[in-house]
Amino acid sequence: MLPRETRRGVLLTAAVPVHLVISLGWTLALARGGVRGARNGALAGLAIAALDLGVIGRRYPRIRALPLLPQLADHALFGAVAATALERR
């Protein structure tokens, strides 16, 4: 969003609402797709990672520069948590 910005506070202020909207959007997609349970959620999270990191992220140097394994783990954990929460809902 702010390719030339380097101040952490400004980047964090911009990133938080964007990350929340993206997370809510993916949670809605999981809900509509009927994804339930930790295992299915983790698999869905990895599919989201393929899109986020492999397709969209490769266009942005800051995303491309992130270490891959922690990003994959983050996406898998997000999917597992979101799908588990949806299952209990």
C-alpha atoms as a PDB file:
ATOM      1  CA  MET A   1       0.000   0.000   0.000  1.00  0.00           C
ATOM      2  CA  LEU A   2       2.799   2.397   0.882  1.00  0.00           C
ATOM      3  CA  PRO A   3       5.770   1.241  -1.210  1.00  0.00           C
ATOM      4  CA  ARG A   4       8.064   4.139  -0.314  1.00  0.00           C
ATOM      5  CA  GLU A   5       7.164   4.380   3.362  1.00  0.00           C
ATOM      6  CA  THR A   6       9.765   3.213   5.882  1.00  0.00           C
ATOM      7  CA  ARG A   7       8.430   4.511   9.214  1.00  0.00           C
ATOM      8  CA  ARG A   8       7.259   1.538  11.279  1.00  0.00           C
ATOM      9  CA  GLY A   9       4.433   3.400  12.983  1.00  0.00           C
ATOM     10  CA  VAL A  10       2.924   4.530   9.697  1.00  0.00           C
ATOM     11  CA  LEU A  11       3.303   1.060   8.179  1.00  0.00           C
ATOM     12  CA  LEU A  12       1.737  -0.583  11.223  1.00  0.00           C
ATOM     13  CA  THR A  13      -1.155   1.894  11.259  1.00  0.00           C
ATOM     14  CA  ALA A  14      -1.853   1.108   7.600  1.00  0.00           C
ATOM     15  CA  ALA A  15      -1.321  -2.645   7.939  1.00  0.00           C
ATOM     16  CA  VAL A  16      -3.631  -3.404  10.870  1.00  0.00           C
ATOM     17  CA  PRO A  17      -6.971  -2.458   9.262  1.00  0.00           C
ATOM     18  CA  VAL A  18      -5.947  -4.004   5.936  1.00  0.00           C
ATOM     19  CA  HIS A  19      -4.943  -7.261   7.629  1.00  0.00           C
ATOM     20  CA  LEU A  20      -8.220  -7.347   9.565  1.00  0.00           C
ATOM     21  CA  VAL A  21     -10.288  -6.866   6.413  1.00  0.00           C
ATOM     22  CA  ILE A  22      -8.324  -9.553   4.560  1.00  0.00           C
ATOM     23  CA  SER A  23      -8.671 -11.974   7.488  1.00  0.00           C
ATOM     24  CA  LEU A  24     -12.408 -11.348   7.746  1.00  0.00           C
ATOM     25  CA  GLY A  25     -12.748 -11.831   3.998  1.00  0.00           C
ATOM     26  CA  TRP A  26     -10.946 -15.171   4.099  1.00  0.00           C
ATOM     27  CA  THR A  27     -13.006 -16.232   7.119  1.00  0.00           C
ATOM     28  CA  LEU A  28     -16.176 -15.478   5.166  1.00  0.00           C
ATOM     29  CA  ALA A  29     -14.803 -17.478   2.238  1.00  0.00           C
ATOM     30  CA  LEU A  30     -14.100 -20.429   4.545  1.00  0.00           C
ATOM     31  CA  ALA A  31     -17.606 -20.134   6.003  1.00  0.00           C
ATOM     32  CA  ARG A  32     -19.262 -20.037   2.584  1.00  0.00           C
ATOM     33  CA  GLY A  33     -17.088 -22.905   1.395  1.00  0.00           C
ATOM     34  CA  GLY A  34     -18.197 -25.021   4.327  1.00  0.00           C
ATOM     35  CA  VAL A  35     -14.656 -25.485   5.643  1.00  0.00           C
ATOM     36  CA  ARG A  36     -14.845 -26.843   9.174  1.00  0.00           C
ATOM     37  CA  GLY A  37     -12.338 -28.396  11.547  1.00  0.00           C
ATOM     38  CA  ALA A  38      -8.679 -27.743  12.203  1.00  0.00           C
ATOM     39  CA  ARG A  39      -7.270 -30.105   9.556  1.00  0.00           C
ATOM     40  CA  ASN A  40      -9.472 -28.857   6.737  1.00  0.00           C
ATOM     41  CA  GLY A  41      -8.876 -25.290   7.865  1.00  0.00           C
ATOM     42  CA  ALA A  42      -5.098 -25.759   7.830  1.00  0.00           C
ATOM     43  CA  LEU A  43      -5.290 -27.174   4.302  1.00  0.00           C
ATOM     44  CA  ALA A  44      -7.484 -24.272   3.240  1.00  0.00           C
ATOM     45  CA  GLY A  45      -4.981 -21.912   4.884  1.00  0.00           C
ATOM     46  CA  LEU A  46      -2.203 -23.385   2.753  1.00  0.00           C
ATOM     47  CA  ALA A  47      -4.348 -22.892  -0.361  1.00  0.00           C
ATOM     48  CA  ILE A  48      -4.858 -19.274   0.705  1.00  0.00           C
ATOM     49  CA  ALA A  49      -1.075 -18.998   1.140  1.00  0.00           C
ATOM     50  CA  ALA A  50      -0.562 -20.209  -2.421  1.00  0.00           C
ATOM     51  CA  LEU A  51      -2.771 -17.393  -3.654  1.00  0.00           C
ATOM     52  CA  ASP A  52      -1.569 -14.733  -1.202  1.00  0.00           C
ATOM     53  CA  LEU A  53       2.137 -15.472  -1.488  1.00  0.00           C
ATOM     54  CA  GLY A  54       2.495 -17.230  -4.812  1.00  0.00           C
ATOM     55  CA  VAL A  55       0.236 -15.107  -6.984  1.00  0.00           C
ATOM     56  CA  ILE A  56      -0.424 -11.775  -5.306  1.00  0.00           C
ATOM     57  CA  GLY A  57       2.641 -11.551  -3.072  1.00  0.00           C
ATOM     58  CA  ARG A  58       5.171 -12.043  -5.827  1.00  0.00           C
ATOM     59  CA  ARG A  59       4.145  -8.628  -7.215  1.00  0.00           C
ATOM     60  CA  TYR A  60       5.177  -6.873  -3.997  1.00  0.00           C
ATOM     61  CA  PRO A  61       8.866  -6.881  -3.010  1.00  0.00           C
ATOM     62  CA  ARG A  62       8.128  -6.549   0.710  1.00  0.00           C
ATOM     63  CA  ILE A  63       5.900  -9.619   0.676  1.00  0.00           C
ATOM     64  CA  ARG A  64       8.306 -11.515  -1.579  1.00  0.00           C
ATOM     65  CA  ALA A  65      11.137 -10.793   0.882  1.00  0.00           C
ATOM     66  CA  LEU A  66       9.351 -12.450   3.822  1.00  0.00           C
ATOM     67  CA  PRO A  67      10.684 -15.854   4.900  1.00  0.00           C
ATOM     68  CA  LEU A  68       8.425 -18.503   3.353  1.00  0.00           C
ATOM     69  CA  LEU A  69       8.145 -21.098   6.148  1.00  0.00           C
ATOM     70  CA  PRO A  70       6.801 -18.714   8.819  1.00  0.00           C
ATOM     71  CA  GLN A  71       4.308 -17.346   6.282  1.00  0.00           C
ATOM     72  CA  LEU A  72       3.074 -20.838   5.426  1.00  0.00           C
ATOM     73  CA  ALA A  73       2.771 -21.677   9.117  1.00  0.00           C
ATOM     74  CA  ASP A  74       0.858 -18.444   9.748  1.00  0.00           C
ATOM     75  CA  HIS A  75      -1.603 -19.170   6.945  1.00  0.00           C
ATOM     76  CA  ALA A  76      -2.108 -22.790   8.045  1.00  0.00           C
ATOM     77  CA  LEU A  77      -2.673 -21.725  11.651  1.00  0.00           C
ATOM     78  CA  PHE A  78      -5.086 -18.994  10.572  1.00  0.00           C
ATOM     79  CA  GLY A  79      -7.092 -21.510   8.557  1.00  0.00           C
ATOM     80  CA  ALA A  80      -7.120 -24.032  11.404  1.00  0.00           C
ATOM     81  CA  VAL A  81      -8.257 -21.462  13.972  1.00  0.00           C
ATOM     82  CA  ALA A  82     -10.871 -19.862  11.715  1.00  0.00           C
ATOM     83  CA  ALA A  83     -12.349 -23.201  10.619  1.00  0.00           C
ATOM     84  CA  THR A  84     -12.418 -24.485  14.198  1.00  0.00           C
ATOM     85  CA  ALA A  85     -14.228 -21.336  15.302  1.00  0.00           C
ATOM     86  CA  LEU A  86     -16.695 -21.741  12.435  1.00  0.00           C
ATOM     87  CA  GLU A  87     -17.284 -25.362  13.445  1.00  0.00           C
ATOM     88  CA  ARG A  88     -18.144 -24.353  16.999  1.00  0.00           C
ATOM     89  CA  ARG A  89     -20.426 -21.548  15.876  1.00  0.00           C
END
